[in-house]
Amino acid sequence: MQVSRKTTDPADAVLREIEEMGKKSFIPSIGPVKGKILAEVVGKHKPRKILEVGSLYGYSAILIAKNSPARAEITTVEKNPENARITEQNVERAKLEGQIKVIQGDAMEILPTLPGPFDLVFLDAEKTQYLDYLKAVENKLHQGSVVVADNVRVFQDQMQNYLHYVRNTGRYRSQTVETLLEFSETTKDAMEISEKRY
């Protein structure tokens, strides 16, 4: 009789490991609850060229890759050298180095140099700079490109200019998705999902 062995997807294993870290000592990685929202956005829009600003340890980049079409390209930008190094290691362990490119440096210097167009942008870095990040790549977005911004409730006071821009200028169809802060059962947070209209 042949016994089948259940093999663990290496990307799933890395995601679970980061989730366990988050449960033990808080890390500002999006975690599984917000991860489900992000995965649903990716599943709906099926982006092929993706930009992430703020890698931390690579959780969201790996999650996006897992839920993206085959051959989707993800560029993730991380300012902190140690975090970028850990992200690269996690991407390699997840066997996704062919899909995810990690760039270490200041996003405001790097974003203008990146070739577009981008189908999806995920913002999860310095909260006061969300609007700066968006404007740095806005000419590399197309009609239907989606921008997802994390922590728009917890840090809403630091990103009022960003929220006003995506909600009120007419350039985007924007919705706020209420959720919980990563690895918290009580602290409310939200993600802003904005689709470029033109």
N, C-alpha and C. Protein backbone atom coordinates (compact mmCIF):
# COMPACT_ATOMS: atom_id res chain seq x y z
N MET A 1 0.84 -1.19 0.00
CA MET A 1 0.00 0.00 0.00
C MET A 1 0.88 1.24 0.00
N GLN A 2 0.54 2.18 -0.88
CA GLN A 2 1.34 3.40 -0.99
C GLN A 2 0.78 4.47 -0.07
N VAL A 3 1.63 5.05 0.71
CA VAL A 3 1.21 6.11 1.63
C VAL A 3 1.57 7.45 1.00
N SER A 4 0.57 8.30 0.85
CA SER A 4 0.84 9.62 0.26
C SER A 4 1.32 10.57 1.35
N ARG A 5 2.31 11.33 1.01
CA ARG A 5 2.85 12.31 1.97
C ARG A 5 2.41 13.70 1.56
N LYS A 6 1.88 14.39 2.52
CA LYS A 6 1.43 15.76 2.24
C LYS A 6 2.65 16.68 2.23
N THR A 7 2.88 17.34 1.11
CA THR A 7 4.01 18.26 1.02
C THR A 7 3.54 19.67 1.29
N THR A 8 4.33 20.41 2.02
CA THR A 8 3.98 21.79 2.35
C THR A 8 4.55 22.72 1.29
N ASP A 9 3.70 23.59 0.78
CA ASP A 9 4.15 24.61 -0.16
C ASP A 9 5.19 25.47 0.57
N PRO A 10 6.38 25.66 -0.02
CA PRO A 10 7.41 26.45 0.68
C PRO A 10 6.97 27.88 0.98
N ALA A 11 6.16 28.47 0.09
CA ALA A 11 5.67 29.83 0.34
C ALA A 11 4.73 29.84 1.54
N ASP A 12 3.84 28.84 1.63
CA ASP A 12 2.94 28.74 2.78
C ASP A 12 3.73 28.59 4.07
N ALA A 13 4.79 27.80 4.02
CA ALA A 13 5.60 27.58 5.22
C ALA A 13 6.22 28.88 5.71
N VAL A 14 6.72 29.70 4.79
CA VAL A 14 7.32 30.98 5.17
C VAL A 14 6.25 31.92 5.73
N LEU A 15 5.08 31.96 5.09
CA LEU A 15 4.00 32.82 5.58
C LEU A 15 3.60 32.42 7.01
N ARG A 16 3.45 31.11 7.26
CA ARG A 16 3.07 30.65 8.60
C ARG A 16 4.14 31.03 9.63
N GLU A 17 5.39 30.93 9.23
CA GLU A 17 6.49 31.25 10.14
C GLU A 17 6.44 32.73 10.54
N ILE A 18 6.20 33.61 9.58
CA ILE A 18 6.11 35.05 9.88
C ILE A 18 4.88 35.33 10.74
N GLU A 19 3.78 34.63 10.46
CA GLU A 19 2.57 34.79 11.28
C GLU A 19 2.84 34.40 12.73
N GLU A 20 3.58 33.32 12.94
CA GLU A 20 3.91 32.90 14.30
C GLU A 20 4.77 33.94 15.00
N MET A 21 5.70 34.54 14.27
CA MET A 21 6.51 35.63 14.83
C MET A 21 5.62 36.78 15.27
N GLY A 22 4.64 37.11 14.43
CA GLY A 22 3.75 38.22 14.72
C GLY A 22 2.89 37.98 15.95
N LYS A 23 2.52 36.73 16.17
CA LYS A 23 1.71 36.40 17.35
C LYS A 23 2.52 36.52 18.64
N LYS A 24 3.80 36.15 18.55
CA LYS A 24 4.65 36.15 19.75
C LYS A 24 5.11 37.55 20.12
N SER A 25 5.54 38.31 19.14
CA SER A 25 5.98 39.69 19.39
C SER A 25 5.53 40.52 18.20
N PHE A 26 4.77 41.56 18.45
CA PHE A 26 4.13 42.31 17.36
C PHE A 26 5.14 42.77 16.32
N ILE A 27 4.83 42.46 15.07
CA ILE A 27 5.58 43.02 13.94
C ILE A 27 4.54 43.59 12.97
N PRO A 28 4.84 44.72 12.35
CA PRO A 28 3.84 45.38 11.48
C PRO A 28 3.74 44.74 10.10
N SER A 29 3.65 43.41 10.07
CA SER A 29 3.38 42.69 8.83
C SER A 29 1.87 42.55 8.72
N ILE A 30 1.31 42.50 7.52
CA ILE A 30 -0.15 42.60 7.40
C ILE A 30 -0.88 41.44 8.05
N GLY A 31 -0.27 40.26 8.14
CA GLY A 31 -0.91 39.14 8.81
C GLY A 31 -2.03 38.51 8.00
N PRO A 32 -2.62 37.41 8.50
CA PRO A 32 -3.59 36.65 7.72
C PRO A 32 -4.93 37.33 7.48
N VAL A 33 -5.40 38.17 8.41
CA VAL A 33 -6.71 38.80 8.23
C VAL A 33 -6.67 39.82 7.09
N LYS A 34 -5.72 40.74 7.16
CA LYS A 34 -5.54 41.69 6.06
C LYS A 34 -5.04 40.97 4.81
N GLY A 35 -4.26 39.91 5.03
CA GLY A 35 -3.76 39.15 3.90
C GLY A 35 -4.88 38.59 3.05
N LYS A 36 -5.96 38.19 3.69
CA LYS A 36 -7.11 37.67 2.94
C LYS A 36 -7.72 38.76 2.07
N ILE A 37 -7.80 39.98 2.60
CA ILE A 37 -8.33 41.10 1.81
C ILE A 37 -7.44 41.36 0.61
N LEU A 38 -6.13 41.40 0.84
CA LEU A 38 -5.18 41.64 -0.24
C LEU A 38 -5.24 40.52 -1.28
N ALA A 39 -5.35 39.28 -0.82
CA ALA A 39 -5.45 38.15 -1.74
C ALA A 39 -6.70 38.24 -2.60
N GLU A 40 -7.80 38.72 -2.02
CA GLU A 40 -9.04 38.87 -2.78
C GLU A 40 -8.90 39.94 -3.86
N VAL A 41 -8.21 41.03 -3.53
CA VAL A 41 -7.96 42.08 -4.53
C VAL A 41 -7.12 41.52 -5.68
N VAL A 42 -6.09 40.79 -5.33
CA VAL A 42 -5.21 40.20 -6.35
C VAL A 42 -6.00 39.20 -7.21
N GLY A 43 -6.81 38.38 -6.56
CA GLY A 43 -7.60 37.40 -7.30
C GLY A 43 -8.60 38.04 -8.24
N LYS A 44 -9.17 39.15 -7.82
CA LYS A 44 -10.17 39.84 -8.65
C LYS A 44 -9.53 40.52 -9.85
N HIS A 45 -8.42 41.21 -9.64
CA HIS A 45 -7.84 42.05 -10.70
C HIS A 45 -6.74 41.35 -11.50
N LYS A 46 -6.21 40.25 -10.97
CA LYS A 46 -5.19 39.46 -11.68
C LYS A 46 -4.04 40.31 -12.24
N PRO A 47 -3.37 41.07 -11.37
CA PRO A 47 -2.28 41.94 -11.84
C PRO A 47 -1.08 41.12 -12.31
N ARG A 48 -0.39 41.65 -13.31
CA ARG A 48 0.80 40.97 -13.82
C ARG A 48 2.08 41.74 -13.47
N LYS A 49 1.95 43.03 -13.19
CA LYS A 49 3.12 43.82 -12.78
C LYS A 49 2.73 44.57 -11.50
N ILE A 50 3.46 44.27 -10.43
CA ILE A 50 3.05 44.71 -9.10
C ILE A 50 4.21 45.42 -8.42
N LEU A 51 3.87 46.48 -7.69
CA LEU A 51 4.86 47.23 -6.91
C LEU A 51 4.42 47.26 -5.46
N GLU A 52 5.36 46.97 -4.57
CA GLU A 52 5.11 47.09 -3.14
C GLU A 52 6.12 48.08 -2.56
N VAL A 53 5.62 49.00 -1.74
CA VAL A 53 6.50 49.95 -1.04
C VAL A 53 6.43 49.59 0.45
N GLY A 54 7.54 49.05 0.96
CA GLY A 54 7.60 48.59 2.34
C GLY A 54 7.50 47.08 2.42
N SER A 55 8.65 46.40 2.47
CA SER A 55 8.66 44.93 2.43
C SER A 55 8.54 44.30 3.81
N LEU A 56 9.12 44.95 4.82
CA LEU A 56 9.37 44.36 6.13
C LEU A 56 10.10 43.03 5.93
N TYR A 57 9.42 41.88 6.16
CA TYR A 57 10.09 40.59 6.03
C TYR A 57 9.62 39.81 4.80
N GLY A 58 8.81 40.44 3.95
CA GLY A 58 8.41 39.80 2.70
C GLY A 58 7.07 39.10 2.73
N TYR A 59 6.33 39.20 3.85
CA TYR A 59 5.06 38.49 3.97
C TYR A 59 4.10 38.86 2.85
N SER A 60 3.84 40.15 2.68
CA SER A 60 2.84 40.55 1.69
C SER A 60 3.30 40.29 0.27
N ALA A 61 4.59 40.45 -0.01
CA ALA A 61 5.10 40.17 -1.36
C ALA A 61 4.90 38.69 -1.70
N ILE A 62 5.19 37.82 -0.74
CA ILE A 62 5.02 36.38 -0.95
C ILE A 62 3.55 36.04 -1.12
N LEU A 63 2.70 36.65 -0.29
CA LEU A 63 1.26 36.40 -0.38
C LEU A 63 0.71 36.86 -1.73
N ILE A 64 1.15 38.04 -2.18
CA ILE A 64 0.71 38.54 -3.49
C ILE A 64 1.16 37.59 -4.59
N ALA A 65 2.40 37.14 -4.52
CA ALA A 65 2.92 36.22 -5.55
C ALA A 65 2.11 34.93 -5.59
N LYS A 66 1.76 34.41 -4.43
CA LYS A 66 0.99 33.16 -4.36
C LYS A 66 -0.38 33.30 -5.01
N ASN A 67 -0.95 34.49 -4.96
CA ASN A 67 -2.30 34.70 -5.45
C ASN A 67 -2.36 35.38 -6.82
N SER A 68 -1.20 35.64 -7.41
CA SER A 68 -1.12 36.32 -8.71
C SER A 68 -1.09 35.30 -9.84
N PRO A 69 -1.37 35.77 -11.06
CA PRO A 69 -1.23 34.88 -12.21
C PRO A 69 0.22 34.40 -12.34
N ALA A 70 0.40 33.25 -12.96
CA ALA A 70 1.75 32.76 -13.22
C ALA A 70 2.51 33.81 -14.01
N ARG A 71 3.78 33.94 -13.72
CA ARG A 71 4.67 34.89 -14.40
C ARG A 71 4.42 36.35 -14.01
N ALA A 72 3.60 36.60 -13.00
CA ALA A 72 3.46 37.97 -12.51
C ALA A 72 4.79 38.43 -11.92
N GLU A 73 5.11 39.71 -12.11
CA GLU A 73 6.37 40.27 -11.61
C GLU A 73 6.08 41.21 -10.45
N ILE A 74 6.78 41.01 -9.35
CA ILE A 74 6.59 41.83 -8.16
C ILE A 74 7.92 42.50 -7.81
N THR A 75 7.87 43.82 -7.67
CA THR A 75 9.03 44.58 -7.19
C THR A 75 8.67 45.12 -5.81
N THR A 76 9.49 44.81 -4.82
CA THR A 76 9.23 45.31 -3.47
C THR A 76 10.42 46.16 -3.02
N VAL A 77 10.13 47.34 -2.49
CA VAL A 77 11.15 48.31 -2.10
C VAL A 77 11.17 48.43 -0.58
N GLU A 78 12.33 48.26 0.01
CA GLU A 78 12.48 48.32 1.47
C GLU A 78 13.67 49.19 1.84
N LYS A 79 13.42 50.18 2.71
CA LYS A 79 14.47 51.12 3.09
C LYS A 79 15.49 50.50 4.05
N ASN A 80 15.01 49.70 5.00
CA ASN A 80 15.87 49.15 6.04
C ASN A 80 16.72 48.00 5.47
N PRO A 81 18.05 48.12 5.52
CA PRO A 81 18.91 47.09 4.91
C PRO A 81 18.72 45.70 5.51
N GLU A 82 18.55 45.63 6.83
CA GLU A 82 18.38 44.32 7.48
C GLU A 82 17.06 43.68 7.07
N ASN A 83 15.99 44.48 7.03
CA ASN A 83 14.69 43.95 6.59
C ASN A 83 14.76 43.48 5.14
N ALA A 84 15.46 44.23 4.30
CA ALA A 84 15.60 43.84 2.89
C ALA A 84 16.34 42.51 2.78
N ARG A 85 17.37 42.34 3.60
CA ARG A 85 18.14 41.09 3.58
C ARG A 85 17.26 39.91 4.01
N ILE A 86 16.48 40.11 5.07
CA ILE A 86 15.58 39.05 5.54
C ILE A 86 14.52 38.75 4.48
N THR A 87 14.00 39.79 3.84
CA THR A 87 13.01 39.59 2.78
C THR A 87 13.59 38.73 1.66
N GLU A 88 14.81 39.05 1.24
CA GLU A 88 15.45 38.26 0.18
C GLU A 88 15.59 36.80 0.59
N GLN A 89 15.97 36.56 1.83
CA GLN A 89 16.10 35.18 2.32
C GLN A 89 14.74 34.48 2.31
N ASN A 90 13.70 35.17 2.77
CA ASN A 90 12.37 34.57 2.81
C ASN A 90 11.84 34.29 1.41
N VAL A 91 12.11 35.19 0.48
CA VAL A 91 11.68 34.99 -0.91
C VAL A 91 12.37 33.76 -1.49
N GLU A 92 13.65 33.60 -1.21
CA GLU A 92 14.39 32.42 -1.69
C GLU A 92 13.85 31.15 -1.06
N ARG A 93 13.58 31.19 0.24
CA ARG A 93 13.04 30.02 0.93
C ARG A 93 11.65 29.66 0.41
N ALA A 94 10.90 30.68 -0.02
CA ALA A 94 9.56 30.45 -0.59
C ALA A 94 9.62 30.00 -2.05
N LYS A 95 10.83 29.93 -2.61
CA LYS A 95 11.04 29.54 -4.01
C LYS A 95 10.35 30.50 -4.98
N LEU A 96 10.40 31.80 -4.65
CA LEU A 96 9.73 32.81 -5.48
C LEU A 96 10.70 33.86 -5.99
N GLU A 97 12.01 33.56 -5.95
CA GLU A 97 12.99 34.56 -6.39
C GLU A 97 12.87 34.88 -7.88
N GLY A 98 12.23 34.00 -8.64
CA GLY A 98 12.00 34.29 -10.06
C GLY A 98 10.87 35.27 -10.29
N GLN A 99 10.05 35.48 -9.27
CA GLN A 99 8.89 36.38 -9.39
C GLN A 99 9.06 37.69 -8.63
N ILE A 100 9.78 37.64 -7.52
CA ILE A 100 9.87 38.80 -6.62
C ILE A 100 11.27 39.38 -6.66
N LYS A 101 11.36 40.67 -6.94
CA LYS A 101 12.63 41.39 -6.92
C LYS A 101 12.63 42.33 -5.73
N VAL A 102 13.64 42.22 -4.87
CA VAL A 102 13.76 43.06 -3.68
C VAL A 102 14.78 44.15 -3.96
N ILE A 103 14.37 45.41 -3.76
CA ILE A 103 15.28 46.55 -3.93
C ILE A 103 15.41 47.26 -2.60
N GLN A 104 16.64 47.41 -2.12
CA GLN A 104 16.87 48.10 -0.86
C GLN A 104 17.22 49.56 -1.15
N GLY A 105 16.52 50.47 -0.46
CA GLY A 105 16.81 51.89 -0.62
C GLY A 105 15.60 52.74 -0.31
N ASP A 106 15.77 54.05 -0.45
CA ASP A 106 14.72 55.02 -0.19
C ASP A 106 13.74 55.01 -1.36
N ALA A 107 12.48 54.73 -1.05
CA ALA A 107 11.47 54.62 -2.11
C ALA A 107 11.38 55.88 -2.97
N MET A 108 11.55 57.04 -2.35
CA MET A 108 11.40 58.28 -3.12
C MET A 108 12.53 58.47 -4.13
N GLU A 109 13.64 57.78 -3.93
CA GLU A 109 14.71 57.80 -4.92
C GLU A 109 14.54 56.69 -5.95
N ILE A 110 13.99 55.56 -5.51
CA ILE A 110 13.88 54.38 -6.38
C ILE A 110 12.65 54.42 -7.28
N LEU A 111 11.51 54.83 -6.75
CA LEU A 111 10.26 54.75 -7.51
C LEU A 111 10.32 55.44 -8.87
N PRO A 112 10.91 56.64 -8.97
CA PRO A 112 10.95 57.29 -10.29
C PRO A 112 11.77 56.53 -11.32
N THR A 113 12.64 55.63 -10.87
CA THR A 113 13.51 54.90 -11.80
C THR A 113 12.90 53.59 -12.29
N LEU A 114 11.80 53.16 -11.69
CA LEU A 114 11.23 51.85 -12.03
C LEU A 114 10.39 51.93 -13.30
N PRO A 115 10.53 50.95 -14.17
CA PRO A 115 9.69 50.94 -15.38
C PRO A 115 8.28 50.44 -15.07
N GLY A 116 7.29 51.12 -15.58
CA GLY A 116 5.90 50.68 -15.43
C GLY A 116 5.46 49.96 -16.69
N PRO A 117 4.17 49.90 -16.94
CA PRO A 117 3.11 50.31 -16.01
C PRO A 117 2.86 49.25 -14.94
N PHE A 118 2.29 49.69 -13.82
CA PHE A 118 1.96 48.77 -12.74
C PHE A 118 0.45 48.55 -12.70
N ASP A 119 0.07 47.29 -12.53
CA ASP A 119 -1.35 46.94 -12.41
C ASP A 119 -1.83 47.05 -10.97
N LEU A 120 -0.91 46.85 -10.02
CA LEU A 120 -1.24 46.90 -8.60
C LEU A 120 -0.09 47.52 -7.84
N VAL A 121 -0.43 48.43 -6.92
CA VAL A 121 0.57 49.02 -6.02
C VAL A 121 0.07 48.80 -4.59
N PHE A 122 0.96 48.31 -3.72
CA PHE A 122 0.62 48.13 -2.32
C PHE A 122 1.52 49.02 -1.48
N LEU A 123 0.91 49.94 -0.72
CA LEU A 123 1.64 50.90 0.11
C LEU A 123 1.59 50.47 1.57
N ASP A 124 2.75 50.23 2.16
CA ASP A 124 2.81 49.83 3.56
C ASP A 124 4.16 50.25 4.15
N ALA A 125 4.52 51.50 3.92
CA ALA A 125 5.80 52.02 4.42
C ALA A 125 5.52 53.25 5.28
N GLU A 126 6.32 54.30 5.13
CA GLU A 126 6.19 55.51 5.95
C GLU A 126 4.83 56.16 5.67
N LYS A 127 3.99 56.22 6.70
CA LYS A 127 2.59 56.62 6.50
C LYS A 127 2.45 58.06 6.01
N THR A 128 3.32 58.95 6.47
CA THR A 128 3.22 60.36 6.06
C THR A 128 3.60 60.55 4.59
N GLN A 129 4.17 59.53 3.97
CA GLN A 129 4.64 59.66 2.59
C GLN A 129 3.77 58.92 1.57
N TYR A 130 2.63 58.40 1.99
CA TYR A 130 1.79 57.65 1.05
C TYR A 130 1.47 58.46 -0.21
N LEU A 131 1.10 59.72 -0.04
CA LEU A 131 0.76 60.52 -1.22
C LEU A 131 2.00 60.75 -2.08
N ASP A 132 3.15 60.95 -1.46
CA ASP A 132 4.40 61.10 -2.22
C ASP A 132 4.70 59.85 -3.03
N TYR A 133 4.51 58.69 -2.41
CA TYR A 133 4.74 57.43 -3.13
C TYR A 133 3.81 57.33 -4.33
N LEU A 134 2.54 57.62 -4.09
CA LEU A 134 1.56 57.51 -5.17
C LEU A 134 1.91 58.44 -6.33
N LYS A 135 2.22 59.68 -6.00
CA LYS A 135 2.53 60.64 -7.07
C LYS A 135 3.81 60.28 -7.81
N ALA A 136 4.73 59.59 -7.13
CA ALA A 136 5.98 59.19 -7.77
C ALA A 136 5.77 58.12 -8.84
N VAL A 137 4.66 57.38 -8.73
CA VAL A 137 4.40 56.31 -9.72
C VAL A 137 3.10 56.51 -10.48
N GLU A 138 2.41 57.61 -10.23
CA GLU A 138 1.07 57.78 -10.82
C GLU A 138 1.11 57.77 -12.35
N ASN A 139 2.19 58.30 -12.92
CA ASN A 139 2.30 58.29 -14.38
C ASN A 139 2.63 56.89 -14.92
N LYS A 140 2.84 55.93 -14.01
CA LYS A 140 3.10 54.54 -14.41
C LYS A 140 1.89 53.65 -14.12
N LEU A 141 0.76 54.26 -13.79
CA LEU A 141 -0.49 53.54 -13.60
C LEU A 141 -1.35 53.71 -14.84
N HIS A 142 -2.28 52.81 -15.04
CA HIS A 142 -3.20 52.91 -16.18
C HIS A 142 -4.63 52.86 -15.66
N GLN A 143 -5.57 53.12 -16.51
CA GLN A 143 -6.97 53.00 -16.12
C GLN A 143 -7.21 51.57 -15.63
N GLY A 144 -7.74 51.45 -14.43
CA GLY A 144 -7.97 50.13 -13.85
C GLY A 144 -6.88 49.66 -12.91
N SER A 145 -5.73 50.35 -12.88
CA SER A 145 -4.70 50.01 -11.89
C SER A 145 -5.27 50.19 -10.48
N VAL A 146 -4.85 49.34 -9.58
CA VAL A 146 -5.37 49.37 -8.21
C VAL A 146 -4.24 49.71 -7.24
N VAL A 147 -4.55 50.63 -6.31
CA VAL A 147 -3.61 51.01 -5.26
C VAL A 147 -4.23 50.62 -3.92
N VAL A 148 -3.53 49.79 -3.17
CA VAL A 148 -4.00 49.37 -1.85
C VAL A 148 -3.09 50.00 -0.80
N ALA A 149 -3.69 50.71 0.15
CA ALA A 149 -2.93 51.37 1.22
C ALA A 149 -3.31 50.76 2.56
N ASP A 150 -2.32 50.37 3.35
CA ASP A 150 -2.57 49.75 4.65
C ASP A 150 -2.59 50.80 5.75
N ASN A 151 -3.23 50.42 6.87
CA ASN A 151 -3.23 51.22 8.12
C ASN A 151 -3.93 52.56 8.00
N VAL A 152 -4.99 52.64 7.18
CA VAL A 152 -5.61 53.95 6.96
C VAL A 152 -6.55 54.36 8.09
N ARG A 153 -6.78 53.49 9.07
CA ARG A 153 -7.51 53.94 10.26
C ARG A 153 -6.55 54.22 11.40
N VAL A 154 -5.66 53.30 11.68
CA VAL A 154 -4.72 53.46 12.80
C VAL A 154 -3.87 54.72 12.62
N PHE A 155 -3.46 54.99 11.37
CA PHE A 155 -2.60 56.14 11.10
C PHE A 155 -3.30 57.19 10.24
N GLN A 156 -4.62 57.28 10.35
CA GLN A 156 -5.35 58.18 9.46
C GLN A 156 -4.92 59.64 9.61
N ASP A 157 -4.53 60.05 10.81
CA ASP A 157 -4.11 61.45 11.00
C ASP A 157 -2.83 61.76 10.24
N GLN A 158 -2.02 60.75 9.97
CA GLN A 158 -0.76 60.96 9.27
C GLN A 158 -0.90 60.88 7.75
N MET A 159 -2.08 60.51 7.27
CA MET A 159 -2.23 60.36 5.82
C MET A 159 -3.51 61.01 5.30
N GLN A 160 -3.93 62.09 5.96
CA GLN A 160 -5.13 62.79 5.51
C GLN A 160 -5.00 63.28 4.07
N ASN A 161 -3.80 63.75 3.71
CA ASN A 161 -3.62 64.25 2.34
C ASN A 161 -3.78 63.12 1.32
N TYR A 162 -3.28 61.93 1.65
CA TYR A 162 -3.43 60.78 0.76
C TYR A 162 -4.90 60.39 0.62
N LEU A 163 -5.58 60.28 1.74
CA LEU A 163 -6.98 59.85 1.73
C LEU A 163 -7.85 60.85 0.98
N HIS A 164 -7.59 62.14 1.17
CA HIS A 164 -8.35 63.16 0.43
C HIS A 164 -8.10 63.01 -1.06
N TYR A 165 -6.88 62.75 -1.44
CA TYR A 165 -6.51 62.65 -2.86
C TYR A 165 -7.23 61.49 -3.55
N VAL A 166 -7.20 60.31 -2.93
CA VAL A 166 -7.81 59.15 -3.61
C VAL A 166 -9.33 59.15 -3.49
N ARG A 167 -9.87 59.84 -2.49
CA ARG A 167 -11.32 59.82 -2.29
C ARG A 167 -12.05 60.97 -2.99
N ASN A 168 -11.37 62.10 -3.17
CA ASN A 168 -12.11 63.30 -3.55
C ASN A 168 -11.67 63.99 -4.84
N THR A 169 -10.62 63.54 -5.48
CA THR A 169 -10.16 64.25 -6.68
C THR A 169 -10.79 63.74 -7.96
N GLY A 170 -11.50 62.62 -7.89
CA GLY A 170 -12.12 62.06 -9.09
C GLY A 170 -11.21 61.16 -9.90
N ARG A 171 -9.94 61.08 -9.52
CA ARG A 171 -9.01 60.23 -10.27
C ARG A 171 -9.19 58.75 -9.95
N TYR A 172 -9.76 58.46 -8.79
CA TYR A 172 -9.87 57.08 -8.32
C TYR A 172 -11.28 56.77 -7.84
N ARG A 173 -11.67 55.51 -7.99
CA ARG A 173 -12.83 54.98 -7.28
C ARG A 173 -12.25 54.32 -6.04
N SER A 174 -12.57 54.85 -4.88
CA SER A 174 -11.88 54.41 -3.67
C SER A 174 -12.87 53.90 -2.63
N GLN A 175 -12.51 52.81 -1.98
CA GLN A 175 -13.34 52.28 -0.90
C GLN A 175 -12.46 51.94 0.29
N THR A 176 -13.04 52.10 1.47
CA THR A 176 -12.35 51.77 2.71
C THR A 176 -12.87 50.42 3.20
N VAL A 177 -11.97 49.49 3.43
CA VAL A 177 -12.34 48.17 3.92
C VAL A 177 -11.93 48.07 5.39
N GLU A 178 -12.94 48.00 6.25
CA GLU A 178 -12.67 47.94 7.69
C GLU A 178 -12.13 46.56 8.06
N THR A 179 -11.16 46.55 8.95
CA THR A 179 -10.56 45.29 9.39
C THR A 179 -9.95 45.52 10.78
N LEU A 180 -9.08 44.63 11.19
CA LEU A 180 -8.39 44.77 12.48
C LEU A 180 -6.90 44.95 12.24
N LEU A 181 -6.26 45.64 13.18
CA LEU A 181 -4.81 45.78 13.12
C LEU A 181 -4.20 44.38 13.15
N GLU A 182 -3.13 44.20 12.39
CA GLU A 182 -2.48 42.90 12.31
C GLU A 182 -2.18 42.32 13.69
N PHE A 183 -2.52 41.05 13.86
CA PHE A 183 -2.26 40.29 15.08
C PHE A 183 -2.93 40.90 16.32
N SER A 184 -4.05 41.60 16.09
CA SER A 184 -4.84 42.15 17.20
C SER A 184 -6.28 41.66 17.06
N GLU A 185 -6.92 41.42 18.19
CA GLU A 185 -8.32 40.99 18.15
C GLU A 185 -9.27 42.13 18.48
N THR A 186 -8.72 43.30 18.82
CA THR A 186 -9.58 44.40 19.25
C THR A 186 -9.31 45.73 18.55
N THR A 187 -8.08 45.99 18.12
CA THR A 187 -7.74 47.30 17.55
C THR A 187 -8.22 47.39 16.11
N LYS A 188 -9.09 48.36 15.86
CA LYS A 188 -9.65 48.52 14.52
C LYS A 188 -8.65 49.21 13.59
N ASP A 189 -8.67 48.78 12.34
CA ASP A 189 -7.84 49.38 11.31
C ASP A 189 -8.62 49.30 10.00
N ALA A 190 -8.02 49.74 8.91
CA ALA A 190 -8.69 49.67 7.61
C ALA A 190 -7.65 49.71 6.51
N MET A 191 -8.07 49.25 5.32
CA MET A 191 -7.25 49.34 4.11
C MET A 191 -8.05 50.14 3.09
N GLU A 192 -7.36 51.00 2.35
CA GLU A 192 -8.00 51.80 1.30
C GLU A 192 -7.67 51.16 -0.05
N ILE A 193 -8.70 50.83 -0.80
CA ILE A 193 -8.52 50.19 -2.11
C ILE A 193 -9.02 51.16 -3.17
N SER A 194 -8.11 51.64 -4.01
CA SER A 194 -8.41 52.72 -4.95
C SER A 194 -8.09 52.28 -6.37
N GLU A 195 -9.10 52.32 -7.23
CA GLU A 195 -8.92 51.94 -8.63
C GLU A 195 -8.85 53.19 -9.50
N LYS A 196 -7.81 53.29 -10.31
CA LYS A 196 -7.60 54.48 -11.14
C LYS A 196 -8.67 54.55 -12.22
N ARG A 197 -9.30 55.69 -12.31
CA ARG A 197 -10.40 55.87 -13.27
C ARG A 197 -9.92 56.28 -14.64
N TYR A 198 -8.84 57.05 -14.71
CA TYR A 198 -8.31 57.49 -16.01
C TYR A 198 -6.85 57.84 -15.87
